[in-house]
Amino acid sequence: MNENDFNERAERTLEKVMAAFDASGVDCEPELKAGGVLEVEFEDGTKIIVNKHSAAQEIWVAAKSGGFHFKYDDGRWLDTRSKEELFESLSKLASQQAGETVELREE
């Protein structure tokens, strides 16, 4: 995929992630910042950062439990190590940080 395709796909995905957090009902503040960075701050002050990394053509996630890289493959963003799908992984990470079950769905 070329750089323009990656940037468009990644931006759409970040918007979907933000919408999923908004729809989840969890007490958090998602904010999409310039440059393709989504910060999600939880009630306790911890954050999950989701950003696009154009050079690697990946979406990177930073959470309390560590850092994760997702590569686009066959219509889905998959963790480069575990092969877990982005929204599934974010649901688990958000649940850990929120202290409650969080289910994020791609709409």
PDB file of N, CA and C in Angstrom:
ATOM      1  N   MET A   1       0.857  -1.160   0.000  1.00  0.00           N
ATOM      2  CA  MET A   1       0.000   0.000   0.000  1.00  0.00           C
ATOM      3  C   MET A   1       0.909   1.231   0.000  1.00  0.00           C
ATOM      4  N   ASN A   2       0.506   2.256  -0.762  1.00  0.00           N
ATOM      5  CA  ASN A   2       1.335   3.458  -0.794  1.00  0.00           C
ATOM      6  C   ASN A   2       1.048   4.324   0.438  1.00  0.00           C
ATOM      7  N   GLU A   3       1.855   5.361   0.619  1.00  0.00           N
ATOM      8  CA  GLU A   3       1.758   6.190   1.817  1.00  0.00           C
ATOM      9  C   GLU A   3       0.408   6.890   1.936  1.00  0.00           C
ATOM     10  N   ASN A   4      -0.131   7.388   0.823  1.00  0.00           N
ATOM     11  CA  ASN A   4      -1.437   8.050   0.870  1.00  0.00           C
ATOM     12  C   ASN A   4      -2.538   7.080   1.299  1.00  0.00           C
ATOM     13  N   ASP A   5      -2.524   5.872   0.732  1.00  0.00           N
ATOM     14  CA  ASP A   5      -3.521   4.862   1.117  1.00  0.00           C
ATOM     15  C   ASP A   5      -3.407   4.536   2.598  1.00  0.00           C
ATOM     16  N   PHE A   6      -2.167   4.358   3.065  1.00  0.00           N
ATOM     17  CA  PHE A   6      -1.963   4.067   4.486  1.00  0.00           C
ATOM     18  C   PHE A   6      -2.524   5.186   5.352  1.00  0.00           C
ATOM     19  N   ASN A   7      -2.157   6.435   5.043  1.00  0.00           N
ATOM     20  CA  ASN A   7      -2.600   7.564   5.866  1.00  0.00           C
ATOM     21  C   ASN A   7      -4.121   7.687   5.899  1.00  0.00           C
ATOM     22  N   GLU A   8      -4.779   7.510   4.772  1.00  0.00           N
ATOM     23  CA  GLU A   8      -6.243   7.570   4.740  1.00  0.00           C
ATOM     24  C   GLU A   8      -6.856   6.442   5.567  1.00  0.00           C
ATOM     25  N   ARG A   9      -6.351   5.238   5.390  1.00  0.00           N
ATOM     26  CA  ARG A   9      -6.878   4.079   6.118  1.00  0.00           C
ATOM     27  C   ARG A   9      -6.635   4.243   7.628  1.00  0.00           C
ATOM     28  N   ALA A  10      -5.446   4.685   8.004  1.00  0.00           N
ATOM     29  CA  ALA A  10      -5.114   4.854   9.419  1.00  0.00           C
ATOM     30  C   ALA A  10      -5.954   5.956  10.056  1.00  0.00           C
ATOM     31  N   GLU A  11      -6.145   7.074   9.356  1.00  0.00           N
ATOM     32  CA  GLU A  11      -6.969   8.165   9.883  1.00  0.00           C
ATOM     33  C   GLU A  11      -8.412   7.710  10.103  1.00  0.00           C
ATOM     34  N   ARG A  12      -8.967   6.987   9.138  1.00  0.00           N
ATOM     35  CA  ARG A  12     -10.338   6.457   9.289  1.00  0.00           C
ATOM     36  C   ARG A  12     -10.412   5.526  10.493  1.00  0.00           C
ATOM     37  N   THR A  13      -9.391   4.711  10.672  1.00  0.00           N
ATOM     38  CA  THR A  13      -9.378   3.771  11.799  1.00  0.00           C
ATOM     39  C   THR A  13      -9.313   4.517  13.120  1.00  0.00           C
ATOM     40  N   LEU A  14      -8.485   5.547  13.214  1.00  0.00           N
ATOM     41  CA  LEU A  14      -8.408   6.333  14.450  1.00  0.00           C
ATOM     42  C   LEU A  14      -9.750   6.976  14.770  1.00  0.00           C
ATOM     43  N   GLU A  15     -10.443   7.463  13.747  1.00  0.00           N
ATOM     44  CA  GLU A  15     -11.777   8.041  13.954  1.00  0.00           C
ATOM     45  C   GLU A  15     -12.754   6.973  14.454  1.00  0.00           C
ATOM     46  N   LYS A  16     -12.664   5.767  13.915  1.00  0.00           N
ATOM     47  CA  LYS A  16     -13.524   4.669  14.364  1.00  0.00           C
ATOM     48  C   LYS A  16     -13.205   4.267  15.801  1.00  0.00           C
ATOM     49  N   VAL A  17     -11.926   4.274  16.160  1.00  0.00           N
ATOM     50  CA  VAL A  17     -11.535   3.949  17.536  1.00  0.00           C
ATOM     51  C   VAL A  17     -12.094   4.997  18.486  1.00  0.00           C
ATOM     52  N   MET A  18     -11.987   6.263  18.125  1.00  0.00           N
ATOM     53  CA  MET A  18     -12.528   7.326  18.969  1.00  0.00           C
ATOM     54  C   MET A  18     -14.042   7.173  19.123  1.00  0.00           C
ATOM     55  N   ALA A  19     -14.740   6.898  18.036  1.00  0.00           N
ATOM     56  CA  ALA A  19     -16.190   6.697  18.096  1.00  0.00           C
ATOM     57  C   ALA A  19     -16.536   5.481  18.959  1.00  0.00           C
ATOM     58  N   ALA A  20     -15.735   4.438  18.891  1.00  0.00           N
ATOM     59  CA  ALA A  20     -15.982   3.234  19.696  1.00  0.00           C
ATOM     60  C   ALA A  20     -15.831   3.546  21.182  1.00  0.00           C
ATOM     61  N   PHE A  21     -14.818   4.338  21.542  1.00  0.00           N
ATOM     62  CA  PHE A  21     -14.674   4.729  22.949  1.00  0.00           C
ATOM     63  C   PHE A  21     -15.860   5.583  23.378  1.00  0.00           C
ATOM     64  N   ASP A  22     -16.271   6.515  22.537  1.00  0.00           N
ATOM     65  CA  ASP A  22     -17.427   7.367  22.866  1.00  0.00           C
ATOM     66  C   ASP A  22     -18.685   6.523  23.093  1.00  0.00           C
ATOM     67  N   ALA A  23     -18.880   5.493  22.283  1.00  0.00           N
ATOM     68  CA  ALA A  23     -20.077   4.659  22.362  1.00  0.00           C
ATOM     69  C   ALA A  23     -20.006   3.603  23.460  1.00  0.00           C
ATOM     70  N   SER A  24     -18.834   3.381  24.021  1.00  0.00           N
ATOM     71  CA  SER A  24     -18.645   2.269  24.965  1.00  0.00           C
ATOM     72  C   SER A  24     -19.280   2.495  26.330  1.00  0.00           C
ATOM     73  N   GLY A  25     -19.481   3.748  26.704  1.00  0.00           N
ATOM     74  CA  GLY A  25     -20.038   4.038  28.016  1.00  0.00           C
ATOM     75  C   GLY A  25     -19.003   4.082  29.126  1.00  0.00           C
ATOM     76  N   VAL A  26     -17.745   3.776  28.826  1.00  0.00           N
ATOM     77  CA  VAL A  26     -16.699   3.822  29.845  1.00  0.00           C
ATOM     78  C   VAL A  26     -16.355   5.285  30.137  1.00  0.00           C
ATOM     79  N   ASP A  27     -15.974   5.563  31.389  1.00  0.00           N
ATOM     80  CA  ASP A  27     -15.625   6.923  31.795  1.00  0.00           C
ATOM     81  C   ASP A  27     -14.214   7.242  31.297  1.00  0.00           C
ATOM     82  N   CYS A  28     -14.150   7.860  30.110  1.00  0.00           N
ATOM     83  CA  CYS A  28     -12.867   8.229  29.528  1.00  0.00           C
ATOM     84  C   CYS A  28     -13.067   9.426  28.611  1.00  0.00           C
ATOM     85  N   GLU A  29     -11.953  10.056  28.265  1.00  0.00           N
ATOM     86  CA  GLU A  29     -11.981  11.211  27.373  1.00  0.00           C
ATOM     87  C   GLU A  29     -11.083  10.940  26.174  1.00  0.00           C
ATOM     88  N   PRO A  30     -11.647  10.498  25.042  1.00  0.00           N
ATOM     89  CA  PRO A  30     -10.832  10.322  23.839  1.00  0.00           C
ATOM     90  C   PRO A  30     -10.676  11.655  23.105  1.00  0.00           C
ATOM     91  N   GLU A  31      -9.455  11.934  22.654  1.00  0.00           N
ATOM     92  CA  GLU A  31      -9.206  13.178  21.922  1.00  0.00           C
ATOM     93  C   GLU A  31      -8.260  12.887  20.761  1.00  0.00           C
ATOM     94  N   LEU A  32      -8.733  13.185  19.566  1.00  0.00           N
ATOM     95  CA  LEU A  32      -7.926  12.996  18.357  1.00  0.00           C
ATOM     96  C   LEU A  32      -7.128  14.265  18.122  1.00  0.00           C
ATOM     97  N   LYS A  33      -5.814  14.138  18.157  1.00  0.00           N
ATOM     98  CA  LYS A  33      -4.931  15.286  18.008  1.00  0.00           C
ATOM     99  C   LYS A  33      -4.335  15.305  16.605  1.00  0.00           C
ATOM    100  N   ALA A  34      -3.725  16.424  16.263  1.00  0.00           N
ATOM    101  CA  ALA A  34      -3.094  16.573  14.951  1.00  0.00           C
ATOM    102  C   ALA A  34      -1.996  15.527  14.782  1.00  0.00           C
ATOM    103  N   GLY A  35      -1.786  15.146  13.547  1.00  0.00           N
ATOM    104  CA  GLY A  35      -0.709  14.211  13.251  1.00  0.00           C
ATOM    105  C   GLY A  35      -1.073  12.754  13.423  1.00  0.00           C
ATOM    106  N   GLY A  36      -2.359  12.471  13.629  1.00  0.00           N
ATOM    107  CA  GLY A  36      -2.778  11.082  13.741  1.00  0.00           C
ATOM    108  C   GLY A  36      -2.489  10.458  15.094  1.00  0.00           C
ATOM    109  N   VAL A  37      -2.760  11.212  16.163  1.00  0.00           N
ATOM    110  CA  VAL A  37      -2.554  10.716  17.525  1.00  0.00           C
ATOM    111  C   VAL A  37      -3.884  10.788  18.276  1.00  0.00           C
ATOM    112  N   LEU A  38      -4.315   9.651  18.811  1.00  0.00           N
ATOM    113  CA  LEU A  38      -5.524   9.587  19.628  1.00  0.00           C
ATOM    114  C   LEU A  38      -5.111   9.312  21.065  1.00  0.00           C
ATOM    115  N   GLU A  39      -5.471  10.225  21.969  1.00  0.00           N
ATOM    116  CA  GLU A  39      -5.221  10.031  23.398  1.00  0.00           C
ATOM    117  C   GLU A  39      -6.540   9.717  24.081  1.00  0.00           C
ATOM    118  N   VAL A  40      -6.540   8.648  24.850  1.00  0.00           N
ATOM    119  CA  VAL A  40      -7.729   8.268  25.614  1.00  0.00           C
ATOM    120  C   VAL A  40      -7.339   8.305  27.078  1.00  0.00           C
ATOM    121  N   GLU A  41      -7.885   9.277  27.809  1.00  0.00           N
ATOM    122  CA  GLU A  41      -7.570   9.412  29.227  1.00  0.00           C
ATOM    123  C   GLU A  41      -8.706   8.837  30.065  1.00  0.00           C
ATOM    124  N   PHE A  42      -8.325   7.996  31.024  1.00  0.00           N
ATOM    125  CA  PHE A  42      -9.294   7.343  31.900  1.00  0.00           C
ATOM    126  C   PHE A  42      -9.452   8.131  33.190  1.00  0.00           C
ATOM    127  N   GLU A  43     -10.474   7.774  33.957  1.00  0.00           N
ATOM    128  CA  GLU A  43     -10.825   8.485  35.181  1.00  0.00           C
ATOM    129  C   GLU A  43      -9.648   8.596  36.150  1.00  0.00           C
ATOM    130  N   ASP A  44      -8.791   7.577  36.197  1.00  0.00           N
ATOM    131  CA  ASP A  44      -7.657   7.586  37.129  1.00  0.00           C
ATOM    132  C   ASP A  44      -6.434   8.330  36.591  1.00  0.00           C
ATOM    133  N   GLY A  45      -6.567   8.948  35.412  1.00  0.00           N
ATOM    134  CA  GLY A  45      -5.471   9.718  34.839  1.00  0.00           C
ATOM    135  C   GLY A  45      -4.562   8.943  33.900  1.00  0.00           C
ATOM    136  N   THR A  46      -4.733   7.618  33.829  1.00  0.00           N
ATOM    137  CA  THR A  46      -3.916   6.841  32.902  1.00  0.00           C
ATOM    138  C   THR A  46      -4.425   7.048  31.478  1.00  0.00           C
ATOM    139  N   LYS A  47      -3.557   6.749  30.522  1.00  0.00           N
ATOM    140  CA  LYS A  47      -3.915   6.971  29.125  1.00  0.00           C
ATOM    141  C   LYS A  47      -3.580   5.751  28.270  1.00  0.00           C
ATOM    142  N   ILE A  48      -4.316   5.642  27.185  1.00  0.00           N
ATOM    143  CA  ILE A  48      -3.954   4.779  26.061  1.00  0.00           C
ATOM    144  C   ILE A  48      -3.727   5.722  24.893  1.00  0.00           C
ATOM    145  N   ILE A  49      -2.589   5.575  24.247  1.00  0.00           N
ATOM    146  CA  ILE A  49      -2.255   6.396  23.088  1.00  0.00           C
ATOM    147  C   ILE A  49      -2.284   5.494  21.858  1.00  0.00           C
ATOM    148  N   VAL A  50      -3.024   5.921  20.845  1.00  0.00           N
ATOM    149  CA  VAL A  50      -3.111   5.187  19.576  1.00  0.00           C
ATOM    150  C   VAL A  50      -2.644   6.155  18.494  1.00  0.00           C
ATOM    151  N   ASN A  51      -1.618   5.769  17.748  1.00  0.00           N
ATOM    152  CA  ASN A  51      -1.146   6.674  16.701  1.00  0.00           C
ATOM    153  C   ASN A  51      -0.710   5.912  15.465  1.00  0.00           C
ATOM    154  N   LYS A  52      -0.720   6.638  14.360  1.00  0.00           N
ATOM    155  CA  LYS A  52      -0.256   6.041  13.115  1.00  0.00           C
ATOM    156  C   LYS A  52       1.249   6.282  13.004  1.00  0.00           C
ATOM    157  N   HIS A  53       1.937   5.308  12.481  1.00  0.00           N
ATOM    158  CA  HIS A  53       3.372   5.417  12.248  1.00  0.00           C
ATOM    159  C   HIS A  53       3.599   5.178  10.761  1.00  0.00           C
ATOM    160  N   SER A  54       3.688   6.276  10.025  1.00  0.00           N
ATOM    161  CA  SER A  54       3.732   6.202   8.564  1.00  0.00           C
ATOM    162  C   SER A  54       4.938   5.447   8.031  1.00  0.00           C
ATOM    163  N   ALA A  55       6.108   5.646   8.619  1.00  0.00           N
ATOM    164  CA  ALA A  55       7.321   5.003   8.107  1.00  0.00           C
ATOM    165  C   ALA A  55       7.191   3.476   8.117  1.00  0.00           C
ATOM    166  N   ALA A  56       6.593   2.939   9.172  1.00  0.00           N
ATOM    167  CA  ALA A  56       6.414   1.485   9.288  1.00  0.00           C
ATOM    168  C   ALA A  56       5.075   1.027   8.721  1.00  0.00           C
ATOM    169  N   GLN A  57       4.209   1.978   8.373  1.00  0.00           N
ATOM    170  CA  GLN A  57       2.835   1.698   7.946  1.00  0.00           C
ATOM    171  C   GLN A  57       2.122   0.820   8.978  1.00  0.00           C
ATOM    172  N   GLU A  58       2.194   1.271  10.225  1.00  0.00           N
ATOM    173  CA  GLU A  58       1.567   0.562  11.335  1.00  0.00           C
ATOM    174  C   GLU A  58       0.790   1.539  12.204  1.00  0.00           C
ATOM    175  N   ILE A  59      -0.138   1.002  12.967  1.00  0.00           N
ATOM    176  CA  ILE A  59      -0.779   1.739  14.043  1.00  0.00           C
ATOM    177  C   ILE A  59      -0.134   1.236  15.330  1.00  0.00           C
ATOM    178  N   TRP A  60       0.327   2.178  16.131  1.00  0.00           N
ATOM    179  CA  TRP A  60       0.989   1.835  17.389  1.00  0.00           C
ATOM    180  C   TRP A  60       0.078   2.175  18.550  1.00  0.00           C
ATOM    181  N   VAL A  61       0.096   1.324  19.562  1.00  0.00           N
ATOM    182  CA  VAL A  61      -0.705   1.521  20.770  1.00  0.00           C
ATOM    183  C   VAL A  61       0.223   1.467  21.974  1.00  0.00           C
ATOM    184  N   ALA A  62       0.102   2.467  22.839  1.00  0.00           N
ATOM    185  CA  ALA A  62       0.840   2.482  24.103  1.00  0.00           C
ATOM    186  C   ALA A  62      -0.182   2.469  25.232  1.00  0.00           C
ATOM    187  N   ALA A  63      -0.017   1.530  26.150  1.00  0.00           N
ATOM    188  CA  ALA A  63      -0.924   1.389  27.288  1.00  0.00           C
ATOM    189  C   ALA A  63      -0.086   1.084  28.528  1.00  0.00           C
ATOM    190  N   LYS A  64      -0.723   1.048  29.695  1.00  0.00           N
ATOM    191  CA  LYS A  64       0.002   0.726  30.931  1.00  0.00           C
ATOM    192  C   LYS A  64       0.743  -0.598  30.817  1.00  0.00           C
ATOM    193  N   SER A  65       0.146  -1.544  30.118  1.00  0.00           N
ATOM    194  CA  SER A  65       0.730  -2.889  30.047  1.00  0.00           C
ATOM    195  C   SER A  65       1.789  -3.039  28.956  1.00  0.00           C
ATOM    196  N   GLY A  66       2.027  -1.992  28.150  1.00  0.00           N
ATOM    197  CA  GLY A  66       3.079  -2.095  27.147  1.00  0.00           C
ATOM    198  C   GLY A  66       2.724  -1.436  25.834  1.00  0.00           C
ATOM    199  N   GLY A  67       3.582  -1.693  24.844  1.00  0.00           N
ATOM    200  CA  GLY A  67       3.405  -1.129  23.520  1.00  0.00           C
ATOM    201  C   GLY A  67       3.097  -2.222  22.507  1.00  0.00           C
ATOM    202  N   PHE A  68       2.281  -1.878  21.515  1.00  0.00           N
ATOM    203  CA  PHE A  68       1.820  -2.860  20.531  1.00  0.00           C
ATOM    204  C   PHE A  68       1.827  -2.222  19.149  1.00  0.00           C
ATOM    205  N   HIS A  69       2.147  -3.022  18.140  1.00  0.00           N
ATOM    206  CA  HIS A  69       2.169  -2.553  16.757  1.00  0.00           C
ATOM    207  C   HIS A  69       1.166  -3.364  15.945  1.00  0.00           C
ATOM    208  N   PHE A  70       0.390  -2.673  15.099  1.00  0.00           N
ATOM    209  CA  PHE A  70      -0.637  -3.312  14.281  1.00  0.00           C
ATOM    210  C   PHE A  70      -0.385  -2.996  12.813  1.00  0.00           C
ATOM    211  N   LYS A  71      -0.384  -4.038  12.001  1.00  0.00           N
ATOM    212  CA  LYS A  71      -0.157  -3.934  10.559  1.00  0.00           C
ATOM    213  C   LYS A  71      -1.456  -4.298   9.842  1.00  0.00           C
ATOM    214  N   TYR A  72      -1.762  -3.588   8.774  1.00  0.00           N
ATOM    215  CA  TYR A  72      -2.977  -3.857   8.012  1.00  0.00           C
ATOM    216  C   TYR A  72      -2.780  -5.120   7.176  1.00  0.00           C
ATOM    217  N   ASP A  73      -3.698  -6.078   7.333  1.00  0.00           N
ATOM    218  CA  ASP A  73      -3.587  -7.343   6.617  1.00  0.00           C
ATOM    219  C   ASP A  73      -4.984  -7.861   6.294  1.00  0.00           C
ATOM    220  N   ASP A  74      -5.270  -7.986   5.033  1.00  0.00           N
ATOM    221  CA  ASP A  74      -6.528  -8.582   4.573  1.00  0.00           C
ATOM    222  C   ASP A  74      -7.756  -7.933   5.220  1.00  0.00           C
ATOM    223  N   GLY A  75      -7.749  -6.591   5.250  1.00  0.00           N
ATOM    224  CA  GLY A  75      -8.915  -5.865   5.746  1.00  0.00           C
ATOM    225  C   GLY A  75      -8.973  -5.637   7.238  1.00  0.00           C
ATOM    226  N   ARG A  76      -7.921  -6.035   7.977  1.00  0.00           N
ATOM    227  CA  ARG A  76      -7.925  -5.867   9.440  1.00  0.00           C
ATOM    228  C   ARG A  76      -6.554  -5.399   9.912  1.00  0.00           C
ATOM    229  N   TRP A  77      -6.540  -4.678  11.023  1.00  0.00           N
ATOM    230  CA  TRP A  77      -5.295  -4.289  11.672  1.00  0.00           C
ATOM    231  C   TRP A  77      -4.965  -5.376  12.692  1.00  0.00           C
ATOM    232  N   LEU A  78      -3.832  -6.063  12.496  1.00  0.00           N
ATOM    233  CA  LEU A  78      -3.451  -7.182  13.346  1.00  0.00           C
ATOM    234  C   LEU A  78      -2.141  -6.897  14.077  1.00  0.00           C
ATOM    235  N   ASP A  79      -2.095  -7.286  15.357  1.00  0.00           N
ATOM    236  CA  ASP A  79      -0.881  -7.151  16.154  1.00  0.00           C
ATOM    237  C   ASP A  79       0.243  -7.937  15.473  1.00  0.00           C
ATOM    238  N   THR A  80       1.399  -7.315  15.335  1.00  0.00           N
ATOM    239  CA  THR A  80       2.494  -7.959  14.620  1.00  0.00           C
ATOM    240  C   THR A  80       3.060  -9.164  15.365  1.00  0.00           C
ATOM    241  N   ARG A  81       2.795  -9.281  16.666  1.00  0.00           N
ATOM    242  CA  ARG A  81       3.281 -10.438  17.434  1.00  0.00           C
ATOM    243  C   ARG A  81       2.178 -11.469  17.667  1.00  0.00           C
ATOM    244  N   SER A  82       1.070 -11.026  18.256  1.00  0.00           N
ATOM    245  CA  SER A  82       0.031 -11.978  18.665  1.00  0.00           C
ATOM    246  C   SER A  82      -1.000 -12.249  17.565  1.00  0.00           C
ATOM    247  N   LYS A  83      -1.062 -11.385  16.562  1.00  0.00           N
ATOM    248  CA  LYS A  83      -2.055 -11.438  15.479  1.00  0.00           C
ATOM    249  C   LYS A  83      -3.462 -11.103  15.965  1.00  0.00           C
ATOM    250  N   GLU A  84      -3.589 -10.557  17.181  1.00  0.00           N
ATOM    251  CA  GLU A  84      -4.879 -10.131  17.706  1.00  0.00           C
ATOM    252  C   GLU A  84      -5.341  -8.879  16.948  1.00  0.00           C
ATOM    253  N   GLU A  85      -6.639  -8.789  16.702  1.00  0.00           N
ATOM    254  CA  GLU A  85      -7.219  -7.660  15.971  1.00  0.00           C
ATOM    255  C   GLU A  85      -7.215  -6.406  16.859  1.00  0.00           C
ATOM    256  N   LEU A  86      -7.064  -5.234  16.240  1.00  0.00           N
ATOM    257  CA  LEU A  86      -6.920  -3.965  16.950  1.00  0.00           C
ATOM    258  C   LEU A  86      -8.034  -3.702  17.957  1.00  0.00           C
ATOM    259  N   PHE A  87      -9.297  -3.788  17.550  1.00  0.00           N
ATOM    260  CA  PHE A  87     -10.403  -3.469  18.461  1.00  0.00           C
ATOM    261  C   PHE A  87     -10.507  -4.473  19.603  1.00  0.00           C
ATOM    262  N   GLU A  88     -10.204  -5.736  19.325  1.00  0.00           N
ATOM    263  CA  GLU A  88     -10.188  -6.756  20.381  1.00  0.00           C
ATOM    264  C   GLU A  88      -9.102  -6.429  21.408  1.00  0.00           C
ATOM    265  N   SER A  89      -7.933  -6.084  20.919  1.00  0.00           N
ATOM    266  CA  SER A  89      -6.824  -5.737  21.802  1.00  0.00           C
ATOM    267  C   SER A  89      -7.134  -4.482  22.609  1.00  0.00           C
ATOM    268  N   LEU A  90      -7.658  -3.450  21.949  1.00  0.00           N
ATOM    269  CA  LEU A  90      -7.996  -2.218  22.660  1.00  0.00           C
ATOM    270  C   LEU A  90      -9.071  -2.444  23.716  1.00  0.00           C
ATOM    271  N   SER A  91     -10.008  -3.339  23.457  1.00  0.00           N
ATOM    272  CA  SER A  91     -11.037  -3.668  24.457  1.00  0.00           C
ATOM    273  C   SER A  91     -10.401  -4.233  25.710  1.00  0.00           C
ATOM    274  N   LYS A  92      -9.446  -5.133  25.540  1.00  0.00           N
ATOM    275  CA  LYS A  92      -8.757  -5.735  26.697  1.00  0.00           C
ATOM    276  C   LYS A  92      -7.931  -4.691  27.442  1.00  0.00           C
ATOM    277  N   LEU A  93      -7.190  -3.875  26.693  1.00  0.00           N
ATOM    278  CA  LEU A  93      -6.352  -2.855  27.323  1.00  0.00           C
ATOM    279  C   LEU A  93      -7.202  -1.829  28.062  1.00  0.00           C
ATOM    280  N   ALA A  94      -8.291  -1.392  27.447  1.00  0.00           N
ATOM    281  CA  ALA A  94      -9.177  -0.420  28.085  1.00  0.00           C
ATOM    282  C   ALA A  94      -9.835  -1.015  29.329  1.00  0.00           C
ATOM    283  N   SER A  95     -10.210  -2.277  29.278  1.00  0.00           N
ATOM    284  CA  SER A  95     -10.807  -2.945  30.440  1.00  0.00           C
ATOM    285  C   SER A  95      -9.825  -2.963  31.607  1.00  0.00           C
ATOM    286  N   GLN A  96      -8.572  -3.247  31.318  1.00  0.00           N
ATOM    287  CA  GLN A  96      -7.542  -3.260  32.367  1.00  0.00           C
ATOM    288  C   GLN A  96      -7.396  -1.878  33.001  1.00  0.00           C
ATOM    289  N   GLN A  97      -7.363  -0.846  32.176  1.00  0.00           N
ATOM    290  CA  GLN A  97      -7.138   0.489  32.707  1.00  0.00           C
ATOM    291  C   GLN A  97      -8.374   1.112  33.324  1.00  0.00           C
ATOM    292  N   ALA A  98      -9.552   0.745  32.846  1.00  0.00           N
ATOM    293  CA  ALA A  98     -10.792   1.315  33.377  1.00  0.00           C
ATOM    294  C   ALA A  98     -11.275   0.570  34.616  1.00  0.00           C
ATOM    295  N   GLY A  99     -10.792  -0.666  34.812  1.00  0.00           N
ATOM    296  CA  GLY A  99     -11.259  -1.453  35.944  1.00  0.00           C
ATOM    297  C   GLY A  99     -12.660  -1.992  35.756  1.00  0.00           C
ATOM    298  N   GLU A 100     -13.114  -2.049  34.517  1.00  0.00           N
ATOM    299  CA  GLU A 100     -14.430  -2.594  34.187  1.00  0.00           C
ATOM    300  C   GLU A 100     -14.371  -3.133  32.763  1.00  0.00           C
ATOM    301  N   THR A 101     -15.338  -3.948  32.423  1.00  0.00           N
ATOM    302  CA  THR A 101     -15.359  -4.527  31.079  1.00  0.00           C
ATOM    303  C   THR A 101     -15.683  -3.456  30.046  1.00  0.00           C
ATOM    304  N   VAL A 102     -14.834  -3.359  29.052  1.00  0.00           N
ATOM    305  CA  VAL A 102     -15.029  -2.412  27.956  1.00  0.00           C
ATOM    306  C   VAL A 102     -15.053  -3.199  26.654  1.00  0.00           C
ATOM    307  N   GLU A 103     -16.103  -3.024  25.878  1.00  0.00           N
ATOM    308  CA  GLU A 103     -16.206  -3.683  24.582  1.00  0.00           C
ATOM    309  C   GLU A 103     -16.232  -2.618  23.500  1.00  0.00           C
ATOM    310  N   LEU A 104     -15.175  -2.591  22.725  1.00  0.00           N
ATOM    311  CA  LEU A 104     -15.079  -1.621  21.633  1.00  0.00           C
ATOM    312  C   LEU A 104     -15.414  -2.342  20.332  1.00  0.00           C
ATOM    313  N   ARG A 105     -16.312  -1.741  19.574  1.00  0.00           N
ATOM    314  CA  ARG A 105     -16.739  -2.336  18.301  1.00  0.00           C
ATOM    315  C   ARG A 105     -16.445  -1.362  17.171  1.00  0.00           C
ATOM    316  N   GLU A 106     -15.961  -1.919  16.088  1.00  0.00           N
ATOM    317  CA  GLU A 106     -15.743  -1.115  14.891  1.00  0.00           C
ATOM    318  C   GLU A 106     -17.060  -0.977  14.161  1.00  0.00           C
ATOM    319  N   GLU A 107     -17.508   0.225  13.972  1.00  0.00           N
ATOM    320  CA  GLU A 107     -18.788   0.460  13.292  1.00  0.00           C
ATOM    321  C   GLU A 107     -18.542   1.034  11.923  1.00  0.00           C
TER     322      GLU A 107
END
